[in-house]
Amino acid sequence: QQETKYVSGRIRIKDKDGNIIIDT
């Protein structure tokens, strides 16, 4: 699983296959 937190506050989480689970 991958989680990217941007300075803007946006959070994107992908599962192990690269599918986006959450993108705020």
mmCIF file of all heavy atoms, coordinates in Angstrom:
data_MODEL
# 
_entry.id   MODEL 
# 
loop_
_atom_site.group_PDB 
_atom_site.id 
_atom_site.type_symbol 
_atom_site.label_atom_id 
_atom_site.label_alt_id 
_atom_site.label_comp_id 
_atom_site.label_asym_id 
_atom_site.label_entity_id 
_atom_site.label_seq_id 
_atom_site.pdbx_PDB_ins_code 
_atom_site.Cartn_x 
_atom_site.Cartn_y 
_atom_site.Cartn_z 
_atom_site.occupancy 
_atom_site.B_iso_or_equiv 
_atom_site.pdbx_formal_charge 
_atom_site.auth_seq_id 
_atom_site.auth_comp_id 
_atom_site.auth_asym_id 
_atom_site.auth_atom_id 
_atom_site.pdbx_PDB_model_num 
ATOM 1   N N   . GLN A 1 1  ? 0.840   -1.197 0.000  1.00 0.00 ? 1  GLN A N   1 
ATOM 2   C CA  . GLN A 1 1  ? 0.000   0.000  0.000  1.00 0.00 ? 1  GLN A CA  1 
ATOM 3   C C   . GLN A 1 1  ? 0.877   1.249  0.000  1.00 0.00 ? 1  GLN A C   1 
ATOM 4   O O   . GLN A 1 1  ? 1.929   1.284  0.634  1.00 0.00 ? 1  GLN A O   1 
ATOM 5   C CB  . GLN A 1 1  ? -0.911  0.001  1.231  1.00 0.00 ? 1  GLN A CB  1 
ATOM 6   C CG  . GLN A 1 1  ? -1.847  1.195  1.292  1.00 0.00 ? 1  GLN A CG  1 
ATOM 7   C CD  . GLN A 1 1  ? -2.832  1.090  2.435  1.00 0.00 ? 1  GLN A CD  1 
ATOM 8   O OE1 . GLN A 1 1  ? -3.438  0.040  2.641  1.00 0.00 ? 1  GLN A OE1 1 
ATOM 9   N NE2 . GLN A 1 1  ? -2.979  2.168  3.187  1.00 0.00 ? 1  GLN A NE2 1 
ATOM 10  N N   . GLN A 1 2  ? 0.433   2.274  -0.738 1.00 0.00 ? 2  GLN A N   1 
ATOM 11  C CA  . GLN A 1 2  ? 1.179   3.534  -0.842 1.00 0.00 ? 2  GLN A CA  1 
ATOM 12  C C   . GLN A 1 2  ? 0.315   4.682  -0.342 1.00 0.00 ? 2  GLN A C   1 
ATOM 13  O O   . GLN A 1 2  ? -0.878  4.724  -0.611 1.00 0.00 ? 2  GLN A O   1 
ATOM 14  C CB  . GLN A 1 2  ? 1.543   3.821  -2.303 1.00 0.00 ? 2  GLN A CB  1 
ATOM 15  C CG  . GLN A 1 2  ? 2.434   2.798  -2.933 1.00 0.00 ? 2  GLN A CG  1 
ATOM 16  C CD  . GLN A 1 2  ? 2.687   3.131  -4.387 1.00 0.00 ? 2  GLN A CD  1 
ATOM 17  O OE1 . GLN A 1 2  ? 2.665   4.300  -4.784 1.00 0.00 ? 2  GLN A OE1 1 
ATOM 18  N NE2 . GLN A 1 2  ? 2.932   2.122  -5.197 1.00 0.00 ? 2  GLN A NE2 1 
ATOM 19  N N   . GLU A 1 3  ? 0.963   5.609  0.358  1.00 0.00 ? 3  GLU A N   1 
ATOM 20  C CA  . GLU A 1 3  ? 0.265   6.786  0.860  1.00 0.00 ? 3  GLU A CA  1 
ATOM 21  C C   . GLU A 1 3  ? 1.115   8.006  0.533  1.00 0.00 ? 3  GLU A C   1 
ATOM 22  O O   . GLU A 1 3  ? 2.304   8.041  0.861  1.00 0.00 ? 3  GLU A O   1 
ATOM 23  C CB  . GLU A 1 3  ? 0.084   6.657  2.368  1.00 0.00 ? 3  GLU A CB  1 
ATOM 24  C CG  . GLU A 1 3  ? -0.553  7.858  3.023  1.00 0.00 ? 3  GLU A CG  1 
ATOM 25  C CD  . GLU A 1 3  ? -0.626  7.681  4.531  1.00 0.00 ? 3  GLU A CD  1 
ATOM 26  O OE1 . GLU A 1 3  ? -1.536  6.977  4.990  1.00 0.00 ? 3  GLU A OE1 1 
ATOM 27  O OE2 . GLU A 1 3  ? 0.257   8.231  5.218  1.00 0.00 ? 3  GLU A OE2 1 
ATOM 28  N N   . THR A 1 4  ? 0.496   8.988  -0.127 1.00 0.00 ? 4  THR A N   1 
ATOM 29  C CA  . THR A 1 4  ? 1.208   10.218 -0.457 1.00 0.00 ? 4  THR A CA  1 
ATOM 30  C C   . THR A 1 4  ? 0.471   11.381 0.193  1.00 0.00 ? 4  THR A C   1 
ATOM 31  O O   . THR A 1 4  ? -0.731  11.550 -0.010 1.00 0.00 ? 4  THR A O   1 
ATOM 32  C CB  . THR A 1 4  ? 1.287   10.441 -1.983 1.00 0.00 ? 4  THR A CB  1 
ATOM 33  O OG1 . THR A 1 4  ? 1.848   9.274  -2.586 1.00 0.00 ? 4  THR A OG1 1 
ATOM 34  C CG2 . THR A 1 4  ? 2.147   11.640 -2.318 1.00 0.00 ? 4  THR A CG2 1 
ATOM 35  N N   . LYS A 1 5  ? 1.209   12.148 1.009  1.00 0.00 ? 5  LYS A N   1 
ATOM 36  C CA  . LYS A 1 5  ? 0.654   13.335 1.653  1.00 0.00 ? 5  LYS A CA  1 
ATOM 37  C C   . LYS A 1 5  ? 1.327   14.551 1.032  1.00 0.00 ? 5  LYS A C   1 
ATOM 38  O O   . LYS A 1 5  ? 2.551   14.677 1.063  1.00 0.00 ? 5  LYS A O   1 
ATOM 39  C CB  . LYS A 1 5  ? 0.921   13.315 3.164  1.00 0.00 ? 5  LYS A CB  1 
ATOM 40  C CG  . LYS A 1 5  ? 0.193   12.205 3.886  1.00 0.00 ? 5  LYS A CG  1 
ATOM 41  C CD  . LYS A 1 5  ? 0.482   12.252 5.383  1.00 0.00 ? 5  LYS A CD  1 
ATOM 42  C CE  . LYS A 1 5  ? -0.238  11.122 6.091  1.00 0.00 ? 5  LYS A CE  1 
ATOM 43  N NZ  . LYS A 1 5  ? 0.035   11.130 7.533  1.00 0.00 ? 5  LYS A NZ  1 
ATOM 44  N N   . TYR A 1 6  ? 0.497   15.432 0.469  1.00 0.00 ? 6  TYR A N   1 
ATOM 45  C CA  . TYR A 1 6  ? 1.006   16.634 -0.183 1.00 0.00 ? 6  TYR A CA  1 
ATOM 46  C C   . TYR A 1 6  ? 0.943   17.818 0.772  1.00 0.00 ? 6  TYR A C   1 
ATOM 47  O O   . TYR A 1 6  ? 0.172   17.818 1.732  1.00 0.00 ? 6  TYR A O   1 
ATOM 48  C CB  . TYR A 1 6  ? 0.183   16.928 -1.447 1.00 0.00 ? 6  TYR A CB  1 
ATOM 49  C CG  . TYR A 1 6  ? 0.262   15.814 -2.474 1.00 0.00 ? 6  TYR A CG  1 
ATOM 50  C CD1 . TYR A 1 6  ? -0.664  14.771 -2.472 1.00 0.00 ? 6  TYR A CD1 1 
ATOM 51  C CD2 . TYR A 1 6  ? 1.264   15.800 -3.432 1.00 0.00 ? 6  TYR A CD2 1 
ATOM 52  C CE1 . TYR A 1 6  ? -0.603  13.734 -3.403 1.00 0.00 ? 6  TYR A CE1 1 
ATOM 53  C CE2 . TYR A 1 6  ? 1.344   14.771 -4.375 1.00 0.00 ? 6  TYR A CE2 1 
ATOM 54  C CZ  . TYR A 1 6  ? 0.404   13.750 -4.352 1.00 0.00 ? 6  TYR A CZ  1 
ATOM 55  O OH  . TYR A 1 6  ? 0.482   12.741 -5.272 1.00 0.00 ? 6  TYR A OH  1 
ATOM 56  N N   . VAL A 1 7  ? 1.737   18.837 0.498  1.00 0.00 ? 7  VAL A N   1 
ATOM 57  C CA  . VAL A 1 7  ? 1.783   20.031 1.335  1.00 0.00 ? 7  VAL A CA  1 
ATOM 58  C C   . VAL A 1 7  ? 0.413   20.699 1.405  1.00 0.00 ? 7  VAL A C   1 
ATOM 59  O O   . VAL A 1 7  ? 0.040   21.254 2.438  1.00 0.00 ? 7  VAL A O   1 
ATOM 60  C CB  . VAL A 1 7  ? 2.820   21.041 0.783  1.00 0.00 ? 7  VAL A CB  1 
ATOM 61  C CG1 . VAL A 1 7  ? 2.860   22.295 1.620  1.00 0.00 ? 7  VAL A CG1 1 
ATOM 62  C CG2 . VAL A 1 7  ? 4.180   20.406 0.739  1.00 0.00 ? 7  VAL A CG2 1 
ATOM 63  N N   . SER A 1 8  ? -0.349  20.620 0.342  1.00 0.00 ? 8  SER A N   1 
ATOM 64  C CA  . SER A 1 8  ? -1.676  21.238 0.288  1.00 0.00 ? 8  SER A CA  1 
ATOM 65  C C   . SER A 1 8  ? -2.659  20.589 1.256  1.00 0.00 ? 8  SER A C   1 
ATOM 66  O O   . SER A 1 8  ? -3.734  21.122 1.502  1.00 0.00 ? 8  SER A O   1 
ATOM 67  C CB  . SER A 1 8  ? -2.230  21.125 -1.128 1.00 0.00 ? 8  SER A CB  1 
ATOM 68  O OG  . SER A 1 8  ? -2.436  19.749 -1.461 1.00 0.00 ? 8  SER A OG  1 
ATOM 69  N N   . GLY A 1 9  ? -2.307  19.406 1.781  1.00 0.00 ? 9  GLY A N   1 
ATOM 70  C CA  . GLY A 1 9  ? -3.215  18.673 2.665  1.00 0.00 ? 9  GLY A CA  1 
ATOM 71  C C   . GLY A 1 9  ? -3.841  17.482 1.958  1.00 0.00 ? 9  GLY A C   1 
ATOM 72  O O   . GLY A 1 9  ? -4.477  16.641 2.588  1.00 0.00 ? 9  GLY A O   1 
ATOM 73  N N   . ARG A 1 10 ? -3.694  17.439 0.653  1.00 0.00 ? 10 ARG A N   1 
ATOM 74  C CA  . ARG A 1 10 ? -4.230  16.316 -0.131 1.00 0.00 ? 10 ARG A CA  1 
ATOM 75  C C   . ARG A 1 10 ? -3.551  15.016 0.300  1.00 0.00 ? 10 ARG A C   1 
ATOM 76  O O   . ARG A 1 10 ? -2.351  14.980 0.557  1.00 0.00 ? 10 ARG A O   1 
ATOM 77  C CB  . ARG A 1 10 ? -3.965  16.571 -1.615 1.00 0.00 ? 10 ARG A CB  1 
ATOM 78  C CG  . ARG A 1 10 ? -4.331  15.424 -2.509 1.00 0.00 ? 10 ARG A CG  1 
ATOM 79  C CD  . ARG A 1 10 ? -3.969  15.735 -3.942 1.00 0.00 ? 10 ARG A CD  1 
ATOM 80  N NE  . ARG A 1 10 ? -4.191  14.579 -4.804 1.00 0.00 ? 10 ARG A NE  1 
ATOM 81  C CZ  . ARG A 1 10 ? -3.732  14.483 -6.039 1.00 0.00 ? 10 ARG A CZ  1 
ATOM 82  N NH1 . ARG A 1 10 ? -3.046  15.479 -6.587 1.00 0.00 ? 10 ARG A NH1 1 
ATOM 83  N NH2 . ARG A 1 10 ? -3.977  13.409 -6.740 1.00 0.00 ? 10 ARG A NH2 1 
ATOM 84  N N   . ILE A 1 11 ? -4.343  13.933 0.374  1.00 0.00 ? 11 ILE A N   1 
ATOM 85  C CA  . ILE A 1 11 ? -3.820  12.607 0.702  1.00 0.00 ? 11 ILE A CA  1 
ATOM 86  C C   . ILE A 1 11 ? -4.310  11.634 -0.357 1.00 0.00 ? 11 ILE A C   1 
ATOM 87  O O   . ILE A 1 11 ? -5.499  11.608 -0.691 1.00 0.00 ? 11 ILE A O   1 
ATOM 88  C CB  . ILE A 1 11 ? -4.300  12.140 2.097  1.00 0.00 ? 11 ILE A CB  1 
ATOM 89  C CG1 . ILE A 1 11 ? -3.772  13.089 3.180  1.00 0.00 ? 11 ILE A CG1 1 
ATOM 90  C CG2 . ILE A 1 11 ? -3.857  10.705 2.367  1.00 0.00 ? 11 ILE A CG2 1 
ATOM 91  C CD1 . ILE A 1 11 ? -4.306  12.815 4.566  1.00 0.00 ? 11 ILE A CD1 1 
ATOM 92  N N   . ARG A 1 12 ? -3.395  10.860 -0.896 1.00 0.00 ? 12 ARG A N   1 
ATOM 93  C CA  . ARG A 1 12 ? -3.759  9.839  -1.884 1.00 0.00 ? 12 ARG A CA  1 
ATOM 94  C C   . ARG A 1 12 ? -3.236  8.499  -1.391 1.00 0.00 ? 12 ARG A C   1 
ATOM 95  O O   . ARG A 1 12 ? -2.048  8.380  -1.060 1.00 0.00 ? 12 ARG A O   1 
ATOM 96  C CB  . ARG A 1 12 ? -3.169  10.165 -3.252 1.00 0.00 ? 12 ARG A CB  1 
ATOM 97  C CG  . ARG A 1 12 ? -3.621  9.160  -4.317 1.00 0.00 ? 12 ARG A CG  1 
ATOM 98  C CD  . ARG A 1 12 ? -3.148  9.530  -5.695 1.00 0.00 ? 12 ARG A CD  1 
ATOM 99  N NE  . ARG A 1 12 ? -1.688  9.493  -5.717 1.00 0.00 ? 12 ARG A NE  1 
ATOM 100 C CZ  . ARG A 1 12 ? -0.928  10.087 -6.622 1.00 0.00 ? 12 ARG A CZ  1 
ATOM 101 N NH1 . ARG A 1 12 ? -1.474  10.800 -7.580 1.00 0.00 ? 12 ARG A NH1 1 
ATOM 102 N NH2 . ARG A 1 12 ? 0.368   10.005 -6.578 1.00 0.00 ? 12 ARG A NH2 1 
ATOM 103 N N   . ILE A 1 13 ? -4.118  7.502  -1.362 1.00 0.00 ? 13 ILE A N   1 
ATOM 104 C CA  . ILE A 1 13 ? -3.735  6.164  -0.924 1.00 0.00 ? 13 ILE A CA  1 
ATOM 105 C C   . ILE A 1 13 ? -4.028  5.187  -2.054 1.00 0.00 ? 13 ILE A C   1 
ATOM 106 O O   . ILE A 1 13 ? -5.120  5.207  -2.641 1.00 0.00 ? 13 ILE A O   1 
ATOM 107 C CB  . ILE A 1 13 ? -4.508  5.754  0.356  1.00 0.00 ? 13 ILE A CB  1 
ATOM 108 C CG1 . ILE A 1 13 ? -4.179  6.741  1.492  1.00 0.00 ? 13 ILE A CG1 1 
ATOM 109 C CG2 . ILE A 1 13 ? -4.154  4.325  0.763  1.00 0.00 ? 13 ILE A CG2 1 
ATOM 110 C CD1 . ILE A 1 13 ? -4.971  6.518  2.767  1.00 0.00 ? 13 ILE A CD1 1 
ATOM 111 N N   . LYS A 1 14 ? -3.038  4.336  -2.355 1.00 0.00 ? 14 LYS A N   1 
ATOM 112 C CA  . LYS A 1 14 ? -3.195  3.313  -3.388 1.00 0.00 ? 14 LYS A CA  1 
ATOM 113 C C   . LYS A 1 14 ? -3.003  1.949  -2.751 1.00 0.00 ? 14 LYS A C   1 
ATOM 114 O O   . LYS A 1 14 ? -2.210  1.786  -1.826 1.00 0.00 ? 14 LYS A O   1 
ATOM 115 C CB  . LYS A 1 14 ? -2.138  3.486  -4.486 1.00 0.00 ? 14 LYS A CB  1 
ATOM 116 C CG  . LYS A 1 14 ? -2.271  4.765  -5.278 1.00 0.00 ? 14 LYS A CG  1 
ATOM 117 C CD  . LYS A 1 14 ? -1.185  4.817  -6.357 1.00 0.00 ? 14 LYS A CD  1 
ATOM 118 C CE  . LYS A 1 14 ? -1.249  6.093  -7.166 1.00 0.00 ? 14 LYS A CE  1 
ATOM 119 N NZ  . LYS A 1 14 ? -0.182  6.111  -8.193 1.00 0.00 ? 14 LYS A NZ  1 
ATOM 120 N N   . ASP A 1 15 ? -3.712  0.945  -3.297 1.00 0.00 ? 15 ASP A N   1 
ATOM 121 C CA  . ASP A 1 15 ? -3.514  -0.416 -2.808 1.00 0.00 ? 15 ASP A CA  1 
ATOM 122 C C   . ASP A 1 15 ? -2.245  -1.005 -3.419 1.00 0.00 ? 15 ASP A C   1 
ATOM 123 O O   . ASP A 1 15 ? -1.565  -0.352 -4.214 1.00 0.00 ? 15 ASP A O   1 
ATOM 124 C CB  . ASP A 1 15 ? -4.745  -1.292 -3.086 1.00 0.00 ? 15 ASP A CB  1 
ATOM 125 C CG  . ASP A 1 15 ? -5.001  -1.543 -4.562 1.00 0.00 ? 15 ASP A CG  1 
ATOM 126 O OD1 . ASP A 1 15 ? -4.089  -1.321 -5.394 1.00 0.00 ? 15 ASP A OD1 1 
ATOM 127 O OD2 . ASP A 1 15 ? -6.126  -1.981 -4.882 1.00 0.00 ? 15 ASP A OD2 1 
ATOM 128 N N   . LYS A 1 16 ? -1.950  -2.257 -3.084 1.00 0.00 ? 16 LYS A N   1 
ATOM 129 C CA  . LYS A 1 16 ? -0.698  -2.890 -3.535 1.00 0.00 ? 16 LYS A CA  1 
ATOM 130 C C   . LYS A 1 16 ? -0.601  -3.000 -5.053 1.00 0.00 ? 16 LYS A C   1 
ATOM 131 O O   . LYS A 1 16 ? 0.484   -3.101 -5.603 1.00 0.00 ? 16 LYS A O   1 
ATOM 132 C CB  . LYS A 1 16 ? -0.540  -4.269 -2.906 1.00 0.00 ? 16 LYS A CB  1 
ATOM 133 C CG  . LYS A 1 16 ? -1.599  -5.279 -3.285 1.00 0.00 ? 16 LYS A CG  1 
ATOM 134 C CD  . LYS A 1 16 ? -1.341  -6.603 -2.590 1.00 0.00 ? 16 LYS A CD  1 
ATOM 135 C CE  . LYS A 1 16 ? -2.403  -7.620 -2.849 1.00 0.00 ? 16 LYS A CE  1 
ATOM 136 N NZ  . LYS A 1 16 ? -2.551  -8.012 -4.213 1.00 0.00 ? 16 LYS A NZ  1 
ATOM 137 N N   . ASP A 1 17 ? -1.732  -2.937 -5.745 1.00 0.00 ? 17 ASP A N   1 
ATOM 138 C CA  . ASP A 1 17 ? -1.723  -3.041 -7.204 1.00 0.00 ? 17 ASP A CA  1 
ATOM 139 C C   . ASP A 1 17 ? -1.687  -1.676 -7.886 1.00 0.00 ? 17 ASP A C   1 
ATOM 140 O O   . ASP A 1 17 ? -1.724  -1.600 -9.109 1.00 0.00 ? 17 ASP A O   1 
ATOM 141 C CB  . ASP A 1 17 ? -2.962  -3.822 -7.675 1.00 0.00 ? 17 ASP A CB  1 
ATOM 142 C CG  . ASP A 1 17 ? -2.974  -5.238 -7.110 1.00 0.00 ? 17 ASP A CG  1 
ATOM 143 O OD1 . ASP A 1 17 ? -1.894  -5.874 -7.093 1.00 0.00 ? 17 ASP A OD1 1 
ATOM 144 O OD2 . ASP A 1 17 ? -4.061  -5.702 -6.684 1.00 0.00 ? 17 ASP A OD2 1 
ATOM 145 N N   . GLY A 1 18 ? -1.659  -0.619 -7.087 1.00 0.00 ? 18 GLY A N   1 
ATOM 146 C CA  . GLY A 1 18 ? -1.592  0.743  -7.657 1.00 0.00 ? 18 GLY A CA  1 
ATOM 147 C C   . GLY A 1 18 ? -2.945  1.385  -7.886 1.00 0.00 ? 18 GLY A C   1 
ATOM 148 O O   . GLY A 1 18 ? -3.023  2.464  -8.452 1.00 0.00 ? 18 GLY A O   1 
ATOM 149 N N   . ASN A 1 19 ? -4.017  0.726  -7.451 1.00 0.00 ? 19 ASN A N   1 
ATOM 150 C CA  . ASN A 1 19 ? -5.372  1.290  -7.596 1.00 0.00 ? 19 ASN A CA  1 
ATOM 151 C C   . ASN A 1 19 ? -5.611  2.318  -6.502 1.00 0.00 ? 19 ASN A C   1 
ATOM 152 O O   . ASN A 1 19 ? -5.326  2.083  -5.324 1.00 0.00 ? 19 ASN A O   1 
ATOM 153 C CB  . ASN A 1 19 ? -6.433  0.188  -7.492 1.00 0.00 ? 19 ASN A CB  1 
ATOM 154 C CG  . ASN A 1 19 ? -6.232  -0.874 -8.557 1.00 0.00 ? 19 ASN A CG  1 
ATOM 155 O OD1 . ASN A 1 19 ? -6.037  -0.565 -9.729 1.00 0.00 ? 19 ASN A OD1 1 
ATOM 156 N ND2 . ASN A 1 19 ? -6.248  -2.140 -8.150 1.00 0.00 ? 19 ASN A ND2 1 
ATOM 157 N N   . ILE A 1 20 ? -6.159  3.479  -6.876 1.00 0.00 ? 20 ILE A N   1 
ATOM 158 C CA  . ILE A 1 20 ? -6.423  4.530  -5.912 1.00 0.00 ? 20 ILE A CA  1 
ATOM 159 C C   . ILE A 1 20 ? -7.603  4.142  -5.030 1.00 0.00 ? 20 ILE A C   1 
ATOM 160 O O   . ILE A 1 20 ? -8.692  3.810  -5.508 1.00 0.00 ? 20 ILE A O   1 
ATOM 161 C CB  . ILE A 1 20 ? -6.726  5.875  -6.627 1.00 0.00 ? 20 ILE A CB  1 
ATOM 162 C CG1 . ILE A 1 20 ? -5.473  6.317  -7.391 1.00 0.00 ? 20 ILE A CG1 1 
ATOM 163 C CG2 . ILE A 1 20 ? -7.146  6.941  -5.616 1.00 0.00 ? 20 ILE A CG2 1 
ATOM 164 C CD1 . ILE A 1 20 ? -5.666  7.559  -8.225 1.00 0.00 ? 20 ILE A CD1 1 
ATOM 165 N N   . ILE A 1 21 ? -7.363  4.153  -3.719 1.00 0.00 ? 21 ILE A N   1 
ATOM 166 C CA  . ILE A 1 21 ? -8.393  3.840  -2.726 1.00 0.00 ? 21 ILE A CA  1 
ATOM 167 C C   . ILE A 1 21 ? -9.024  5.148  -2.229 1.00 0.00 ? 21 ILE A C   1 
ATOM 168 O O   . ILE A 1 21 ? -10.241 5.289  -2.139 1.00 0.00 ? 21 ILE A O   1 
ATOM 169 C CB  . ILE A 1 21 ? -7.812  3.082  -1.524 1.00 0.00 ? 21 ILE A CB  1 
ATOM 170 C CG1 . ILE A 1 21 ? -7.207  1.737  -1.984 1.00 0.00 ? 21 ILE A CG1 1 
ATOM 171 C CG2 . ILE A 1 21 ? -8.857  2.831  -0.464 1.00 0.00 ? 21 ILE A CG2 1 
ATOM 172 C CD1 . ILE A 1 21 ? -6.438  1.031  -0.890 1.00 0.00 ? 21 ILE A CD1 1 
ATOM 173 N N   . ILE A 1 22 ? -8.168  6.096  -1.911 1.00 0.00 ? 22 ILE A N   1 
ATOM 174 C CA  . ILE A 1 22 ? -8.610  7.405  -1.399 1.00 0.00 ? 22 ILE A CA  1 
ATOM 175 C C   . ILE A 1 22 ? -7.798  8.483  -2.081 1.00 0.00 ? 22 ILE A C   1 
ATOM 176 O O   . ILE A 1 22 ? -6.569  8.357  -2.235 1.00 0.00 ? 22 ILE A O   1 
ATOM 177 C CB  . ILE A 1 22 ? -8.397  7.512  0.128  1.00 0.00 ? 22 ILE A CB  1 
ATOM 178 C CG1 . ILE A 1 22 ? -9.213  6.466  0.882  1.00 0.00 ? 22 ILE A CG1 1 
ATOM 179 C CG2 . ILE A 1 22 ? -8.749  8.915  0.625  1.00 0.00 ? 22 ILE A CG2 1 
ATOM 180 C CD1 . ILE A 1 22 ? -8.886  6.414  2.364  1.00 0.00 ? 22 ILE A CD1 1 
ATOM 181 N N   . ASP A 1 23 ? -8.479  9.575  -2.484 1.00 0.00 ? 23 ASP A N   1 
ATOM 182 C CA  . ASP A 1 23 ? -7.750  10.742 -2.998 1.00 0.00 ? 23 ASP A CA  1 
ATOM 183 C C   . ASP A 1 23 ? -8.557  11.947 -2.557 1.00 0.00 ? 23 ASP A C   1 
ATOM 184 O O   . ASP A 1 23 ? -9.647  12.218 -3.077 1.00 0.00 ? 23 ASP A O   1 
ATOM 185 C CB  . ASP A 1 23 ? -7.625  10.688 -4.522 1.00 0.00 ? 23 ASP A CB  1 
ATOM 186 C CG  . ASP A 1 23 ? -6.643  11.743 -5.034 1.00 0.00 ? 23 ASP A CG  1 
ATOM 187 O OD1 . ASP A 1 23 ? -6.261  12.657 -4.264 1.00 0.00 ? 23 ASP A OD1 1 
ATOM 188 O OD2 . ASP A 1 23 ? -6.236  11.621 -6.206 1.00 0.00 ? 23 ASP A OD2 1 
ATOM 189 N N   . THR A 1 24 ? -8.033  12.671 -1.575 1.00 0.00 ? 24 THR A N   1 
ATOM 190 C CA  . THR A 1 24 ? -8.736  13.841 -1.040 1.00 0.00 ? 24 THR A CA  1 
ATOM 191 C C   . THR A 1 24 ? -8.250  15.078 -1.770 1.00 0.00 ? 24 THR A C   1 
ATOM 192 O O   . THR A 1 24 ? -7.485  15.873 -1.224 1.00 0.00 ? 24 THR A O   1 
ATOM 193 C CB  . THR A 1 24 ? -8.494  13.982 0.465  1.00 0.00 ? 24 THR A CB  1 
ATOM 194 O OG1 . THR A 1 24 ? -7.094  14.162 0.672  1.00 0.00 ? 24 THR A OG1 1 
ATOM 195 C CG2 . THR A 1 24 ? -8.988  12.797 1.242  1.00 0.00 ? 24 THR A CG2 1 
# 
